[in-house]
Protein backbone atom coordinates (compact mmCIF):
# COMPACT_ATOMS: atom_id res chain seq x y z
CA MET A 1 6.90 7.61 2.63
CA THR A 2 3.23 6.71 2.69
CA LEU A 3 1.50 4.34 0.28
CA ASP A 4 -0.56 7.11 -1.31
CA ARG A 5 2.67 8.76 -2.60
CA VAL A 6 4.04 5.68 -4.41
CA LYS A 7 4.12 5.56 -8.22
CA THR A 8 2.61 2.87 -10.43
CA ASP A 9 4.55 -0.41 -10.88
CA GLN A 10 6.77 0.13 -7.83
CA ILE A 11 7.28 -2.64 -5.31
CA VAL A 12 7.17 -1.53 -1.69
CA GLU A 13 7.33 -3.13 1.73
CA ILE A 14 5.03 -2.10 4.56
CA GLU A 15 7.09 -0.70 7.44
CA ARG A 16 4.40 0.59 9.79
CA ILE A 17 0.66 1.18 9.98
CA ASN A 18 -0.20 4.50 11.59
CA GLY A 19 -3.71 4.44 12.92
CA GLY A 20 -6.06 2.95 15.40
CA TRP A 21 -7.20 -0.56 16.04
CA SER A 22 -9.91 -0.50 13.36
CA ILE A 23 -7.61 0.39 10.46
CA ARG A 24 -5.04 -2.21 11.52
CA GLN A 25 -7.78 -4.82 11.83
CA ARG A 26 -9.20 -3.98 8.38
CA LEU A 27 -5.77 -4.23 6.76
CA ASN A 28 -5.09 -7.53 8.53
CA GLN A 29 -8.38 -8.86 7.20
CA LEU A 30 -7.16 -7.98 3.71
CA GLY A 31 -3.89 -9.80 4.42
CA LEU A 32 -1.79 -6.64 4.63
CA PHE A 33 0.60 -6.41 7.55
CA VAL A 34 4.06 -5.09 8.43
CA GLY A 35 6.69 -6.78 6.26
CA CYS A 36 4.28 -7.51 3.40
CA ARG A 37 5.63 -6.68 -0.09
CA ILE A 38 3.09 -5.17 -2.48
CA THR A 39 3.08 -3.83 -6.03
CA ILE A 40 1.18 -0.69 -6.99
CA LYS A 41 -0.80 -1.58 -10.10
CA ARG A 42 -2.80 1.62 -10.58
CA CYS A 43 -2.86 5.02 -8.94
CA SER A 44 -4.70 7.98 -10.38
CA ALA A 45 -3.06 11.40 -10.41
CA PHE A 46 -6.34 13.08 -9.47
CA GLY A 47 -7.39 10.91 -6.55
CA GLY A 48 -9.39 7.75 -6.35
CA PRO A 49 -8.35 4.39 -4.94
CA LEU A 50 -5.02 2.66 -5.40
CA VAL A 51 -5.04 -0.84 -6.85
CA ILE A 52 -2.37 -2.98 -5.23
CA GLN A 53 -1.26 -6.55 -5.87
CA TYR A 54 0.09 -9.04 -3.35
CA ASN A 55 -0.01 -12.83 -3.12
CA ASN A 56 -1.66 -13.08 -6.57
CA SER A 57 -4.57 -10.90 -5.40
CA GLN A 58 -5.54 -7.36 -6.35
CA VAL A 59 -7.26 -5.03 -3.92
CA ALA A 60 -8.38 -1.40 -4.13
CA ILE A 61 -7.34 0.75 -1.16
CA GLY A 62 -8.77 4.22 -0.58
CA ARG A 63 -6.40 7.19 -0.42
CA GLY A 64 -7.32 7.89 3.20
CA MET A 65 -6.37 4.39 4.27
CA ALA A 66 -3.23 4.43 2.09
CA ALA A 67 -2.09 7.61 3.84
CA HIS A 68 -1.83 5.63 7.11
CA ILE A 69 0.51 2.98 5.65
CA GLN A 70 4.25 3.75 5.89
CA VAL A 71 6.27 1.94 3.22
CA LYS A 72 9.81 1.71 1.92
CA VAL A 73 10.49 1.39 -1.78
CA ASP A 74 12.30 -1.74 -2.95
CA GLU A 75 15.73 -0.67 -4.26
CA ASP A 76 15.50 -3.08 -7.21
CA THR A 77 12.49 -1.24 -8.68
CA GLU A 78 13.65 2.34 -8.13
CA SER A 79 14.45 4.23 -11.30
């Protein structure tokens, strides 16, 4: 599953980043890397950026970038 398909208030873990060097570098600059656990705080049904929270920080990620991030949903938050 990709990050752009995750629902609000779910906790996910980054499994893989599909993309070139520049997208991996940009995500690393934000502190997002494989193994990082993040919470989806806001995602609009009609597009727009996703607001994610990790390490007491909130960041907006565009849908295009989120589509390159493979995640797995934390079993404790699935409902």
